[in-house]
């Protein structure tokens, strides 16, 4: 498969042009951009720059069962876990038996959000146009968990954007958001990495720097 994007920043620059028609009037400052962290933040930062909008992070962690390479759920801050019932059935385990993983990953969500924001409050989403950005939508469970968490903030409009989205997931994801914006819709996209020439793991430090540049101020509600 040919590489489509040089790196996440290049992908974000291209994606920003596709997102523009879906955010409406930006003169009132009601648009906010959130990166599905950590990998989505470099993409989201380019979009926030193009839209002249503040940037924040959404952290989702997958829940796993030892010895099984497929996640059985995912969790975001403040929400109960979202479980893949089919995976639980295949393994013969109940949500209660995943309790240790839930506890561990919830703590990791809190750690990352605190580290990324460095004392700054999260952005207020109520009534605003929220653009949630991923570096590649290849996992419905993670995307659904992030969307559910943001809908709890009662945004006026929610746009989900990514350089690529597995075509098998697109219709499913569109049902949960006001708009889905993707540059490529491959039929089988099991991972985002092969679509990039350079695709390193985004470190906590990189994520924190990106948010410090365009992130919410300490007084944000």
N, C-alpha and C. Protein backbone atom coordinates (compact mmCIF):
# COMPACT_ATOMS: atom_id res chain seq x y z
N UNK A 1 0.84 -1.19 0.00
CA UNK A 1 0.00 0.00 0.00
C UNK A 1 0.87 1.24 0.00
N UNK A 2 0.66 2.19 -0.92
CA UNK A 2 1.48 3.40 -0.95
C UNK A 2 1.19 4.27 0.27
N UNK A 3 2.23 4.96 0.75
CA UNK A 3 2.07 5.88 1.86
C UNK A 3 1.23 7.07 1.41
N UNK A 4 0.24 7.43 2.20
CA UNK A 4 -0.63 8.56 1.85
C UNK A 4 -0.20 9.86 2.52
N UNK A 5 0.43 9.76 3.71
CA UNK A 5 0.78 10.96 4.46
C UNK A 5 2.24 10.88 4.92
N UNK A 6 2.94 12.00 4.79
CA UNK A 6 4.34 12.05 5.22
C UNK A 6 4.43 11.81 6.73
N UNK A 7 3.59 12.49 7.49
CA UNK A 7 3.55 12.33 8.95
C UNK A 7 2.21 12.86 9.44
N UNK A 8 2.01 12.88 10.75
CA UNK A 8 0.72 13.32 11.31
C UNK A 8 0.46 14.80 11.04
N UNK A 9 1.50 15.61 11.11
CA UNK A 9 1.31 17.05 10.87
C UNK A 9 0.85 17.31 9.45
N UNK A 10 1.46 16.62 8.49
CA UNK A 10 1.05 16.77 7.09
C UNK A 10 -0.40 16.32 6.90
N UNK A 11 -0.75 15.22 7.53
CA UNK A 11 -2.12 14.73 7.46
C UNK A 11 -3.10 15.74 8.05
N UNK A 12 -2.71 16.35 9.17
CA UNK A 12 -3.57 17.34 9.80
C UNK A 12 -3.77 18.57 8.94
N UNK A 13 -2.71 18.99 8.26
CA UNK A 13 -2.82 20.14 7.36
C UNK A 13 -3.80 19.85 6.22
N UNK A 14 -3.72 18.66 5.66
CA UNK A 14 -4.64 18.29 4.57
C UNK A 14 -6.07 18.14 5.09
N UNK A 15 -6.20 17.53 6.25
CA UNK A 15 -7.53 17.29 6.82
C UNK A 15 -8.23 18.60 7.18
N UNK A 16 -7.45 19.59 7.60
CA UNK A 16 -8.04 20.87 7.99
C UNK A 16 -8.87 21.49 6.86
N UNK A 17 -8.39 21.35 5.64
CA UNK A 17 -9.13 21.91 4.51
C UNK A 17 -10.47 21.21 4.31
N UNK A 18 -10.52 19.91 4.59
CA UNK A 18 -11.76 19.16 4.44
C UNK A 18 -12.74 19.45 5.58
N UNK A 19 -12.21 19.81 6.74
CA UNK A 19 -13.06 20.08 7.91
C UNK A 19 -13.74 21.44 7.81
N UNK A 20 -13.09 22.40 7.18
CA UNK A 20 -13.58 23.78 7.14
C UNK A 20 -15.08 23.91 6.82
N UNK A 21 -15.59 23.23 5.78
CA UNK A 21 -17.01 23.41 5.45
C UNK A 21 -17.99 22.91 6.51
N UNK A 22 -17.49 22.13 7.47
CA UNK A 22 -18.39 21.50 8.44
C UNK A 22 -18.45 22.22 9.79
N UNK A 23 -17.70 23.30 9.94
CA UNK A 23 -17.67 23.97 11.25
C UNK A 23 -18.46 25.27 11.27
N UNK A 24 -18.91 25.74 10.10
CA UNK A 24 -19.74 26.94 10.08
C UNK A 24 -18.96 28.20 10.42
N UNK A 25 -19.68 29.17 10.97
CA UNK A 25 -19.10 30.47 11.30
C UNK A 25 -18.12 30.34 12.46
N UNK A 26 -16.89 30.79 12.24
CA UNK A 26 -15.87 30.71 13.29
C UNK A 26 -15.60 32.04 13.96
N UNK A 27 -16.33 33.07 13.57
CA UNK A 27 -16.04 34.41 14.08
C UNK A 27 -16.39 34.59 15.55
N UNK A 28 -17.29 33.75 16.07
CA UNK A 28 -17.72 33.92 17.46
C UNK A 28 -16.90 33.07 18.44
N UNK A 29 -15.87 32.38 17.92
CA UNK A 29 -15.01 31.60 18.80
C UNK A 29 -15.67 30.38 19.42
N UNK A 30 -16.70 29.85 18.76
CA UNK A 30 -17.44 28.73 19.33
C UNK A 30 -16.92 27.38 18.87
N UNK A 31 -15.85 27.36 18.10
CA UNK A 31 -15.28 26.10 17.62
C UNK A 31 -14.12 25.69 18.51
N UNK A 32 -14.11 24.42 18.93
CA UNK A 32 -12.99 23.87 19.69
C UNK A 32 -12.55 22.57 19.03
N UNK A 33 -11.28 22.25 19.16
CA UNK A 33 -10.72 21.05 18.56
C UNK A 33 -10.16 20.17 19.68
N UNK A 34 -10.49 18.88 19.62
CA UNK A 34 -9.97 17.93 20.59
C UNK A 34 -9.27 16.79 19.87
N UNK A 35 -8.05 16.50 20.30
CA UNK A 35 -7.31 15.38 19.73
C UNK A 35 -7.51 14.14 20.55
N UNK A 36 -7.78 13.02 19.88
CA UNK A 36 -7.86 11.74 20.57
C UNK A 36 -6.43 11.35 20.92
N UNK A 37 -6.08 11.56 22.17
CA UNK A 37 -4.68 11.52 22.60
C UNK A 37 -4.20 10.10 22.92
N UNK A 38 -2.89 9.92 22.70
CA UNK A 38 -1.94 10.96 22.27
C UNK A 38 -1.78 11.09 20.76
N UNK A 39 -2.02 10.01 20.00
CA UNK A 39 -1.70 10.03 18.57
C UNK A 39 -2.45 11.06 17.75
N UNK A 40 -3.66 11.38 18.15
CA UNK A 40 -4.46 12.33 17.39
C UNK A 40 -4.08 13.78 17.61
N UNK A 41 -3.28 14.06 18.65
CA UNK A 41 -2.97 15.45 18.97
C UNK A 41 -2.15 16.19 17.90
N UNK A 42 -1.11 15.57 17.31
CA UNK A 42 -0.39 16.31 16.26
C UNK A 42 -1.28 16.62 15.05
N UNK A 43 -2.22 15.73 14.74
CA UNK A 43 -3.16 15.99 13.65
C UNK A 43 -4.11 17.12 14.05
N UNK A 44 -4.63 17.02 15.27
CA UNK A 44 -5.58 18.02 15.77
C UNK A 44 -4.94 19.40 15.89
N UNK A 45 -3.66 19.44 16.25
CA UNK A 45 -2.98 20.73 16.41
C UNK A 45 -2.96 21.51 15.10
N UNK A 46 -2.75 20.82 13.99
CA UNK A 46 -2.77 21.49 12.68
C UNK A 46 -4.16 22.03 12.36
N UNK A 47 -5.19 21.27 12.71
CA UNK A 47 -6.56 21.72 12.46
C UNK A 47 -6.90 22.91 13.35
N UNK A 48 -6.51 22.85 14.62
CA UNK A 48 -6.75 23.98 15.53
C UNK A 48 -6.07 25.24 15.02
N UNK A 49 -4.87 25.07 14.49
CA UNK A 49 -4.14 26.22 13.93
C UNK A 49 -4.88 26.82 12.74
N UNK A 50 -5.36 25.96 11.84
CA UNK A 50 -6.07 26.43 10.65
C UNK A 50 -7.39 27.10 11.00
N UNK A 51 -8.07 26.58 12.03
CA UNK A 51 -9.36 27.14 12.43
C UNK A 51 -9.22 28.27 13.43
N UNK A 52 -7.99 28.54 13.89
CA UNK A 52 -7.75 29.51 14.95
C UNK A 52 -8.63 29.18 16.15
N UNK A 53 -8.59 27.91 16.54
CA UNK A 53 -9.45 27.41 17.62
C UNK A 53 -8.58 26.83 18.73
N UNK A 54 -9.09 26.83 19.97
CA UNK A 54 -8.33 26.20 21.07
C UNK A 54 -8.28 24.69 20.92
N UNK A 55 -7.24 24.11 21.48
CA UNK A 55 -7.01 22.67 21.39
C UNK A 55 -7.06 22.04 22.77
N UNK A 56 -7.69 20.88 22.85
CA UNK A 56 -7.72 20.11 24.09
C UNK A 56 -7.56 18.64 23.73
N UNK A 57 -7.48 17.79 24.75
CA UNK A 57 -7.26 16.37 24.54
C UNK A 57 -8.42 15.54 25.08
N UNK A 58 -8.69 14.44 24.41
CA UNK A 58 -9.59 13.41 24.91
C UNK A 58 -8.79 12.13 25.01
N UNK A 59 -8.75 11.55 26.20
CA UNK A 59 -7.96 10.34 26.44
C UNK A 59 -8.90 9.15 26.59
N UNK A 60 -8.68 8.13 25.78
CA UNK A 60 -9.42 6.87 25.85
C UNK A 60 -8.42 5.75 26.02
N UNK A 61 -8.68 4.84 26.93
CA UNK A 61 -7.81 3.70 27.15
C UNK A 61 -8.59 2.41 26.91
N UNK A 62 -7.96 1.48 26.23
CA UNK A 62 -8.60 0.19 25.98
C UNK A 62 -8.47 -0.72 27.19
N UNK A 63 -9.46 -1.59 27.34
CA UNK A 63 -9.48 -2.56 28.43
C UNK A 63 -9.16 -3.93 27.87
N UNK A 64 -8.24 -4.62 28.51
CA UNK A 64 -7.77 -5.90 27.99
C UNK A 64 -7.84 -7.00 29.04
N UNK A 65 -7.90 -8.21 28.55
CA UNK A 65 -7.84 -9.40 29.40
C UNK A 65 -6.50 -10.09 29.10
N UNK A 66 -5.72 -10.44 30.12
CA UNK A 66 -4.42 -11.09 29.89
C UNK A 66 -4.54 -12.31 28.98
N UNK A 67 -3.63 -12.38 28.00
CA UNK A 67 -3.61 -13.51 27.09
C UNK A 67 -4.53 -13.38 25.90
N UNK A 68 -5.23 -12.25 25.81
CA UNK A 68 -6.17 -12.06 24.69
C UNK A 68 -5.81 -10.75 24.02
N UNK A 69 -5.52 -10.78 22.70
CA UNK A 69 -4.97 -9.61 22.03
C UNK A 69 -6.01 -8.65 21.50
N UNK A 70 -7.27 -8.89 21.79
CA UNK A 70 -8.33 -8.00 21.32
C UNK A 70 -8.95 -7.28 22.53
N UNK A 71 -9.08 -5.93 22.48
CA UNK A 71 -9.66 -5.23 23.62
C UNK A 71 -11.11 -5.65 23.85
N UNK A 72 -11.49 -5.70 25.11
CA UNK A 72 -12.86 -6.08 25.45
C UNK A 72 -13.69 -4.86 25.86
N UNK A 73 -13.05 -3.70 25.88
CA UNK A 73 -13.76 -2.48 26.25
C UNK A 73 -12.85 -1.29 26.17
N UNK A 74 -13.39 -0.14 26.51
CA UNK A 74 -12.61 1.10 26.53
C UNK A 74 -13.23 2.04 27.55
N UNK A 75 -12.42 2.99 28.01
CA UNK A 75 -12.88 3.89 29.06
C UNK A 75 -12.34 5.29 28.83
N UNK A 76 -13.17 6.29 29.13
CA UNK A 76 -12.76 7.69 29.09
C UNK A 76 -13.05 8.31 30.46
N UNK A 77 -12.56 9.50 30.67
CA UNK A 77 -12.69 10.15 31.98
C UNK A 77 -14.16 10.42 32.33
N UNK A 78 -14.55 10.00 33.54
CA UNK A 78 -15.87 10.33 34.04
C UNK A 78 -16.99 9.44 33.57
N UNK A 79 -16.75 8.55 32.64
CA UNK A 79 -17.79 7.68 32.10
C UNK A 79 -17.58 6.24 32.55
N UNK A 80 -18.65 5.47 32.64
CA UNK A 80 -18.49 4.03 32.87
C UNK A 80 -17.85 3.39 31.64
N UNK A 81 -17.25 2.23 31.78
CA UNK A 81 -16.62 1.57 30.62
C UNK A 81 -17.65 1.24 29.53
N UNK A 82 -17.17 1.23 28.31
CA UNK A 82 -17.98 0.74 27.20
C UNK A 82 -17.40 -0.61 26.80
N UNK A 83 -18.20 -1.67 26.90
CA UNK A 83 -17.69 -3.01 26.66
C UNK A 83 -18.09 -3.54 25.28
N UNK A 84 -17.22 -4.35 24.72
CA UNK A 84 -17.51 -5.11 23.51
C UNK A 84 -18.13 -6.43 23.96
N UNK A 85 -19.44 -6.49 23.91
CA UNK A 85 -20.15 -7.66 24.46
C UNK A 85 -19.78 -8.95 23.73
N UNK A 86 -19.51 -8.84 22.45
CA UNK A 86 -19.14 -10.04 21.69
C UNK A 86 -17.81 -10.60 22.17
N UNK A 87 -16.84 -9.70 22.44
CA UNK A 87 -15.54 -10.15 22.93
C UNK A 87 -15.67 -10.78 24.31
N UNK A 88 -16.48 -10.18 25.16
CA UNK A 88 -16.69 -10.76 26.49
C UNK A 88 -17.31 -12.15 26.39
N UNK A 89 -18.24 -12.29 25.46
CA UNK A 89 -18.91 -13.58 25.27
C UNK A 89 -17.93 -14.64 24.79
N UNK A 90 -17.07 -14.26 23.83
CA UNK A 90 -16.08 -15.20 23.30
C UNK A 90 -15.14 -15.66 24.40
N UNK A 91 -14.75 -14.75 25.27
CA UNK A 91 -13.82 -15.08 26.35
C UNK A 91 -14.51 -15.76 27.53
N UNK A 92 -15.81 -15.61 27.60
CA UNK A 92 -16.52 -16.18 28.73
C UNK A 92 -16.28 -15.43 30.03
N UNK A 93 -16.08 -14.10 29.93
CA UNK A 93 -15.87 -13.29 31.13
C UNK A 93 -16.97 -12.24 31.23
N UNK A 94 -17.17 -11.71 32.42
CA UNK A 94 -18.17 -10.68 32.66
C UNK A 94 -17.49 -9.34 32.87
N UNK A 95 -18.23 -8.23 32.73
CA UNK A 95 -17.63 -6.91 33.00
C UNK A 95 -17.01 -6.82 34.39
N UNK A 96 -17.60 -7.49 35.36
CA UNK A 96 -17.07 -7.45 36.72
C UNK A 96 -15.65 -8.03 36.77
N UNK A 97 -15.40 -9.05 35.96
CA UNK A 97 -14.09 -9.71 35.95
C UNK A 97 -13.01 -8.87 35.27
N UNK A 98 -13.42 -7.79 34.62
CA UNK A 98 -12.46 -6.88 33.99
C UNK A 98 -12.19 -5.70 34.93
N UNK A 99 -12.64 -5.81 36.16
CA UNK A 99 -12.56 -4.71 37.11
C UNK A 99 -11.17 -4.17 37.34
N UNK A 100 -10.16 -5.04 37.41
CA UNK A 100 -8.79 -4.58 37.64
C UNK A 100 -8.28 -3.75 36.47
N UNK A 101 -8.63 -4.19 35.26
CA UNK A 101 -8.23 -3.43 34.08
C UNK A 101 -8.92 -2.07 34.06
N UNK A 102 -10.19 -2.04 34.45
CA UNK A 102 -10.94 -0.78 34.50
C UNK A 102 -10.28 0.18 35.48
N UNK A 103 -9.95 -0.31 36.65
CA UNK A 103 -9.33 0.52 37.69
C UNK A 103 -7.98 1.07 37.22
N UNK A 104 -7.19 0.20 36.61
CA UNK A 104 -5.85 0.59 36.16
C UNK A 104 -5.93 1.63 35.03
N UNK A 105 -6.80 1.39 34.05
CA UNK A 105 -6.86 2.28 32.90
C UNK A 105 -7.55 3.60 33.23
N UNK A 106 -8.49 3.58 34.17
CA UNK A 106 -9.10 4.84 34.60
C UNK A 106 -8.05 5.73 35.25
N UNK A 107 -7.19 5.12 36.07
CA UNK A 107 -6.11 5.88 36.69
C UNK A 107 -5.16 6.45 35.64
N UNK A 108 -4.92 5.68 34.57
CA UNK A 108 -4.03 6.15 33.50
C UNK A 108 -4.67 7.30 32.72
N UNK A 109 -5.98 7.25 32.52
CA UNK A 109 -6.68 8.37 31.88
C UNK A 109 -6.49 9.63 32.70
N UNK A 110 -6.70 9.54 34.01
CA UNK A 110 -6.55 10.70 34.89
C UNK A 110 -5.11 11.21 34.88
N UNK A 111 -4.14 10.29 34.90
CA UNK A 111 -2.74 10.70 34.91
C UNK A 111 -2.38 11.48 33.66
N UNK A 112 -2.80 10.94 32.52
CA UNK A 112 -2.45 11.59 31.25
C UNK A 112 -3.12 12.95 31.11
N UNK A 113 -4.40 13.03 31.45
CA UNK A 113 -5.09 14.30 31.30
C UNK A 113 -4.47 15.37 32.20
N UNK A 114 -4.11 14.99 33.42
CA UNK A 114 -3.49 15.94 34.34
C UNK A 114 -2.12 16.38 33.82
N UNK A 115 -1.36 15.43 33.29
CA UNK A 115 -0.03 15.74 32.77
C UNK A 115 -0.12 16.62 31.53
N UNK A 116 -1.02 16.28 30.61
CA UNK A 116 -1.15 17.04 29.37
C UNK A 116 -1.57 18.49 29.64
N UNK A 117 -2.52 18.67 30.56
CA UNK A 117 -3.08 20.02 30.79
C UNK A 117 -2.24 20.84 31.76
N UNK A 118 -1.46 20.19 32.59
CA UNK A 118 -0.55 20.89 33.50
C UNK A 118 -1.29 21.96 34.31
N UNK A 119 -2.40 21.57 34.94
CA UNK A 119 -3.13 22.48 35.79
C UNK A 119 -4.21 23.29 35.11
N UNK A 120 -4.27 23.25 33.78
CA UNK A 120 -5.30 23.99 33.06
C UNK A 120 -6.61 23.20 33.10
N UNK A 121 -7.72 23.90 33.19
CA UNK A 121 -9.02 23.25 33.20
C UNK A 121 -9.39 22.80 31.78
N UNK A 122 -10.19 21.74 31.63
CA UNK A 122 -10.63 21.34 30.30
C UNK A 122 -11.54 22.38 29.68
N UNK A 123 -11.60 22.39 28.37
CA UNK A 123 -12.46 23.34 27.67
C UNK A 123 -13.93 23.03 27.92
N UNK A 124 -14.73 24.06 28.02
CA UNK A 124 -16.18 23.90 28.08
C UNK A 124 -16.69 23.58 26.68
N UNK A 125 -17.50 22.53 26.55
CA UNK A 125 -18.01 22.10 25.25
C UNK A 125 -19.46 22.50 25.01
N UNK A 126 -20.15 22.88 26.04
CA UNK A 126 -21.59 23.09 25.94
C UNK A 126 -21.94 24.14 24.88
N UNK A 127 -22.78 23.72 23.93
CA UNK A 127 -23.25 24.61 22.89
C UNK A 127 -22.25 24.95 21.81
N UNK A 128 -21.05 24.40 21.88
CA UNK A 128 -20.01 24.74 20.93
C UNK A 128 -19.89 23.68 19.83
N UNK A 129 -19.25 24.07 18.74
CA UNK A 129 -18.93 23.10 17.69
C UNK A 129 -17.61 22.43 18.05
N UNK A 130 -17.67 21.12 18.27
CA UNK A 130 -16.51 20.35 18.71
C UNK A 130 -16.02 19.48 17.56
N UNK A 131 -14.73 19.59 17.25
CA UNK A 131 -14.11 18.76 16.22
C UNK A 131 -13.20 17.76 16.94
N UNK A 132 -13.59 16.49 16.92
CA UNK A 132 -12.79 15.43 17.53
C UNK A 132 -11.92 14.81 16.45
N UNK A 133 -10.60 14.76 16.69
CA UNK A 133 -9.66 14.37 15.65
C UNK A 133 -8.86 13.14 16.08
N UNK A 134 -8.80 12.15 15.19
CA UNK A 134 -7.99 10.96 15.38
C UNK A 134 -6.95 10.89 14.27
N UNK A 135 -5.87 10.14 14.50
CA UNK A 135 -4.89 9.95 13.42
C UNK A 135 -5.30 8.79 12.50
N UNK A 136 -6.38 8.09 12.85
CA UNK A 136 -6.91 7.01 12.01
C UNK A 136 -8.01 6.26 12.73
N UNK A 137 -9.17 6.20 12.14
CA UNK A 137 -10.31 5.53 12.76
C UNK A 137 -10.36 4.08 12.29
N UNK A 138 -9.69 3.23 13.03
CA UNK A 138 -9.64 1.81 12.68
C UNK A 138 -10.26 0.94 13.76
N UNK A 139 -10.69 1.56 14.85
CA UNK A 139 -11.24 0.83 15.99
C UNK A 139 -12.52 1.51 16.45
N UNK A 140 -13.66 0.88 16.21
CA UNK A 140 -14.94 1.49 16.55
C UNK A 140 -15.10 1.69 18.04
N UNK A 141 -14.58 0.77 18.83
CA UNK A 141 -14.75 0.83 20.28
C UNK A 141 -14.15 2.11 20.86
N UNK A 142 -12.93 2.42 20.46
CA UNK A 142 -12.27 3.63 20.95
C UNK A 142 -13.03 4.88 20.49
N UNK A 143 -13.43 4.90 19.23
CA UNK A 143 -14.15 6.06 18.70
C UNK A 143 -15.48 6.26 19.41
N UNK A 144 -16.25 5.19 19.60
CA UNK A 144 -17.53 5.29 20.28
C UNK A 144 -17.36 5.80 21.72
N UNK A 145 -16.33 5.33 22.39
CA UNK A 145 -16.08 5.75 23.78
C UNK A 145 -15.76 7.23 23.84
N UNK A 146 -14.93 7.71 22.92
CA UNK A 146 -14.58 9.13 22.89
C UNK A 146 -15.79 9.99 22.57
N UNK A 147 -16.57 9.57 21.59
CA UNK A 147 -17.76 10.33 21.20
C UNK A 147 -18.76 10.39 22.35
N UNK A 148 -18.97 9.27 23.01
CA UNK A 148 -19.91 9.25 24.13
C UNK A 148 -19.47 10.20 25.24
N UNK A 149 -18.16 10.23 25.52
CA UNK A 149 -17.64 11.12 26.55
C UNK A 149 -17.88 12.59 26.19
N UNK A 150 -17.68 12.93 24.92
CA UNK A 150 -17.85 14.32 24.51
C UNK A 150 -19.32 14.72 24.46
N UNK A 151 -20.19 13.82 24.08
CA UNK A 151 -21.62 14.13 24.06
C UNK A 151 -22.12 14.46 25.46
N UNK A 152 -21.46 13.91 26.48
CA UNK A 152 -21.83 14.24 27.85
C UNK A 152 -21.60 15.71 28.18
N UNK A 153 -20.73 16.37 27.41
CA UNK A 153 -20.48 17.80 27.58
C UNK A 153 -21.48 18.68 26.86
N UNK A 154 -22.46 18.07 26.19
CA UNK A 154 -23.56 18.75 25.49
C UNK A 154 -23.08 19.77 24.45
N UNK A 155 -22.24 19.33 23.52
CA UNK A 155 -21.83 20.26 22.45
C UNK A 155 -23.01 20.59 21.54
N UNK A 156 -22.92 21.74 20.89
CA UNK A 156 -23.96 22.09 19.94
C UNK A 156 -23.87 21.27 18.67
N UNK A 157 -22.64 20.90 18.31
CA UNK A 157 -22.40 20.12 17.10
C UNK A 157 -21.10 19.34 17.29
N UNK A 158 -21.09 18.09 16.86
CA UNK A 158 -19.90 17.25 17.02
C UNK A 158 -19.48 16.72 15.66
N UNK A 159 -18.25 17.06 15.28
CA UNK A 159 -17.67 16.62 14.02
C UNK A 159 -16.53 15.66 14.35
N UNK A 160 -16.55 14.48 13.76
CA UNK A 160 -15.48 13.49 13.93
C UNK A 160 -14.63 13.49 12.67
N UNK A 161 -13.32 13.70 12.82
CA UNK A 161 -12.44 13.84 11.66
C UNK A 161 -11.19 12.99 11.81
N UNK A 162 -10.74 12.43 10.70
CA UNK A 162 -9.52 11.63 10.68
C UNK A 162 -8.99 11.56 9.25
N UNK A 163 -7.68 11.43 9.09
CA UNK A 163 -7.13 11.27 7.74
C UNK A 163 -7.66 10.02 7.05
N UNK A 164 -7.94 8.95 7.82
CA UNK A 164 -8.49 7.74 7.23
C UNK A 164 -9.47 7.10 8.21
N UNK A 165 -10.42 6.38 7.64
CA UNK A 165 -11.40 5.65 8.43
C UNK A 165 -11.74 4.36 7.71
N UNK A 166 -11.68 3.26 8.42
CA UNK A 166 -12.07 1.99 7.84
C UNK A 166 -13.52 2.11 7.33
N UNK A 167 -13.72 1.84 6.05
CA UNK A 167 -15.04 2.03 5.44
C UNK A 167 -16.12 1.20 6.12
N UNK A 168 -15.74 0.09 6.73
CA UNK A 168 -16.72 -0.76 7.42
C UNK A 168 -17.27 -0.09 8.67
N UNK A 169 -16.54 0.91 9.19
CA UNK A 169 -16.97 1.59 10.41
C UNK A 169 -17.70 2.89 10.13
N UNK A 170 -17.55 3.42 8.92
CA UNK A 170 -18.00 4.78 8.62
C UNK A 170 -19.49 4.99 8.90
N UNK A 171 -20.34 4.13 8.35
CA UNK A 171 -21.78 4.32 8.55
C UNK A 171 -22.16 4.23 10.02
N UNK A 172 -21.50 3.33 10.74
CA UNK A 172 -21.76 3.17 12.17
C UNK A 172 -21.38 4.42 12.94
N UNK A 173 -20.24 5.01 12.62
CA UNK A 173 -19.79 6.20 13.32
C UNK A 173 -20.63 7.42 12.95
N UNK A 174 -21.08 7.50 11.72
CA UNK A 174 -21.89 8.64 11.30
C UNK A 174 -23.17 8.77 12.11
N UNK A 175 -23.68 7.66 12.60
CA UNK A 175 -24.92 7.70 13.36
C UNK A 175 -24.76 8.42 14.70
N UNK A 176 -23.53 8.52 15.18
CA UNK A 176 -23.28 9.10 16.51
C UNK A 176 -22.87 10.56 16.48
N UNK A 177 -22.54 11.09 15.31
CA UNK A 177 -22.02 12.46 15.22
C UNK A 177 -22.79 13.24 14.16
N UNK A 178 -22.57 14.55 14.16
CA UNK A 178 -23.25 15.39 13.16
C UNK A 178 -22.57 15.30 11.80
N UNK A 179 -21.28 15.04 11.81
CA UNK A 179 -20.55 14.89 10.53
C UNK A 179 -19.32 14.04 10.75
N UNK A 180 -19.01 13.20 9.78
CA UNK A 180 -17.77 12.42 9.76
C UNK A 180 -16.96 12.88 8.56
N UNK A 181 -15.72 13.34 8.82
CA UNK A 181 -14.87 13.87 7.75
C UNK A 181 -13.60 13.03 7.67
N UNK A 182 -13.41 12.34 6.56
CA UNK A 182 -12.22 11.51 6.35
C UNK A 182 -11.70 11.72 4.94
N UNK A 183 -10.38 11.70 4.80
CA UNK A 183 -9.78 11.87 3.48
C UNK A 183 -9.75 10.57 2.70
N UNK A 184 -9.64 9.44 3.41
CA UNK A 184 -9.59 8.13 2.75
C UNK A 184 -10.48 7.16 3.52
N UNK A 185 -11.19 6.32 2.77
CA UNK A 185 -12.06 5.31 3.36
C UNK A 185 -11.69 3.93 2.82
N UNK A 186 -10.56 3.39 3.27
CA UNK A 186 -10.15 2.05 2.81
C UNK A 186 -11.09 0.99 3.37
N UNK A 187 -11.26 -0.08 2.62
CA UNK A 187 -12.18 -1.13 3.04
C UNK A 187 -11.65 -1.89 4.24
N UNK A 188 -10.34 -2.14 4.28
CA UNK A 188 -9.75 -2.86 5.41
C UNK A 188 -8.57 -2.06 5.93
N UNK A 189 -8.78 -1.37 7.04
CA UNK A 189 -7.72 -0.58 7.66
C UNK A 189 -7.63 -1.01 9.12
N UNK A 190 -6.74 -1.95 9.39
CA UNK A 190 -6.64 -2.49 10.74
C UNK A 190 -5.76 -1.63 11.64
N UNK A 191 -4.95 -0.74 11.05
CA UNK A 191 -4.07 0.14 11.81
C UNK A 191 -3.78 1.37 10.99
N UNK A 192 -3.50 2.48 11.67
CA UNK A 192 -3.23 3.73 10.96
C UNK A 192 -1.78 3.82 10.48
N UNK A 193 -0.85 3.20 11.19
CA UNK A 193 0.57 3.35 10.91
C UNK A 193 1.00 3.17 9.47
N UNK A 194 0.52 2.12 8.77
CA UNK A 194 0.96 1.91 7.39
C UNK A 194 0.60 3.04 6.43
N UNK A 195 -0.27 3.92 6.83
CA UNK A 195 -0.67 5.03 5.98
C UNK A 195 0.27 6.23 6.08
N UNK A 196 1.24 6.14 6.97
CA UNK A 196 2.15 7.26 7.21
C UNK A 196 3.59 6.86 6.91
N UNK A 197 4.34 7.82 6.38
CA UNK A 197 5.75 7.59 6.19
C UNK A 197 6.50 7.58 7.51
N UNK A 198 6.10 8.47 8.42
CA UNK A 198 6.70 8.54 9.75
C UNK A 198 5.57 8.49 10.77
N UNK A 199 5.61 7.50 11.65
CA UNK A 199 4.50 7.26 12.58
C UNK A 199 5.05 6.76 13.91
N UNK A 200 5.65 7.68 14.66
CA UNK A 200 6.22 7.30 15.95
C UNK A 200 5.16 7.39 17.05
N UNK A 201 5.44 6.77 18.17
CA UNK A 201 4.55 6.86 19.31
C UNK A 201 4.68 8.25 19.93
N UNK A 202 3.58 8.96 20.03
CA UNK A 202 3.60 10.32 20.58
C UNK A 202 3.80 10.22 22.10
N UNK A 203 4.83 10.86 22.59
CA UNK A 203 5.17 10.79 24.01
C UNK A 203 4.31 11.75 24.83
N UNK A 204 4.30 11.51 26.14
CA UNK A 204 3.59 12.42 27.04
C UNK A 204 4.13 13.84 26.90
N UNK A 205 5.42 13.97 26.77
CA UNK A 205 6.03 15.30 26.65
C UNK A 205 5.57 16.01 25.38
N UNK A 206 5.56 15.30 24.26
CA UNK A 206 5.09 15.90 23.01
C UNK A 206 3.63 16.35 23.13
N UNK A 207 2.80 15.50 23.74
CA UNK A 207 1.39 15.83 23.90
C UNK A 207 1.23 17.08 24.76
N UNK A 208 2.00 17.16 25.85
CA UNK A 208 1.91 18.31 26.74
C UNK A 208 2.35 19.59 26.04
N UNK A 209 3.39 19.51 25.22
CA UNK A 209 3.88 20.69 24.49
C UNK A 209 2.83 21.18 23.50
N UNK A 210 2.20 20.27 22.78
CA UNK A 210 1.18 20.65 21.81
C UNK A 210 0.01 21.36 22.50
N UNK A 211 -0.40 20.86 23.65
CA UNK A 211 -1.51 21.49 24.37
C UNK A 211 -1.09 22.83 24.98
N UNK A 212 0.15 22.93 25.39
CA UNK A 212 0.61 24.19 25.97
C UNK A 212 0.60 25.30 24.93
N UNK A 213 0.85 24.94 23.68
CA UNK A 213 0.89 25.95 22.61
C UNK A 213 -0.49 26.48 22.25
N UNK A 214 -1.49 25.54 22.19
CA UNK A 214 -2.81 25.98 21.77
C UNK A 214 -3.91 25.51 22.71
N UNK A 215 -3.54 25.03 23.89
CA UNK A 215 -4.50 24.42 24.79
C UNK A 215 -5.34 25.40 25.57
N UNK A 216 -6.26 24.86 26.39
CA UNK A 216 -7.14 25.70 27.20
C UNK A 216 -6.34 26.47 28.24
N UNK A 217 -6.79 27.72 28.48
CA UNK A 217 -6.15 28.52 29.53
C UNK A 217 -6.59 28.03 30.89
N UNK A 218 -5.87 28.40 31.89
CA UNK A 218 -6.16 27.96 33.26
C UNK A 218 -7.55 28.37 33.72
N UNK A 219 -8.11 29.43 33.07
CA UNK A 219 -9.43 29.92 33.47
C UNK A 219 -10.56 29.32 32.65
N UNK A 220 -10.23 28.42 31.70
CA UNK A 220 -11.27 27.85 30.84
C UNK A 220 -12.24 27.05 31.70
N UNK A 221 -13.55 27.10 31.33
CA UNK A 221 -14.57 26.47 32.16
C UNK A 221 -14.74 25.03 31.86
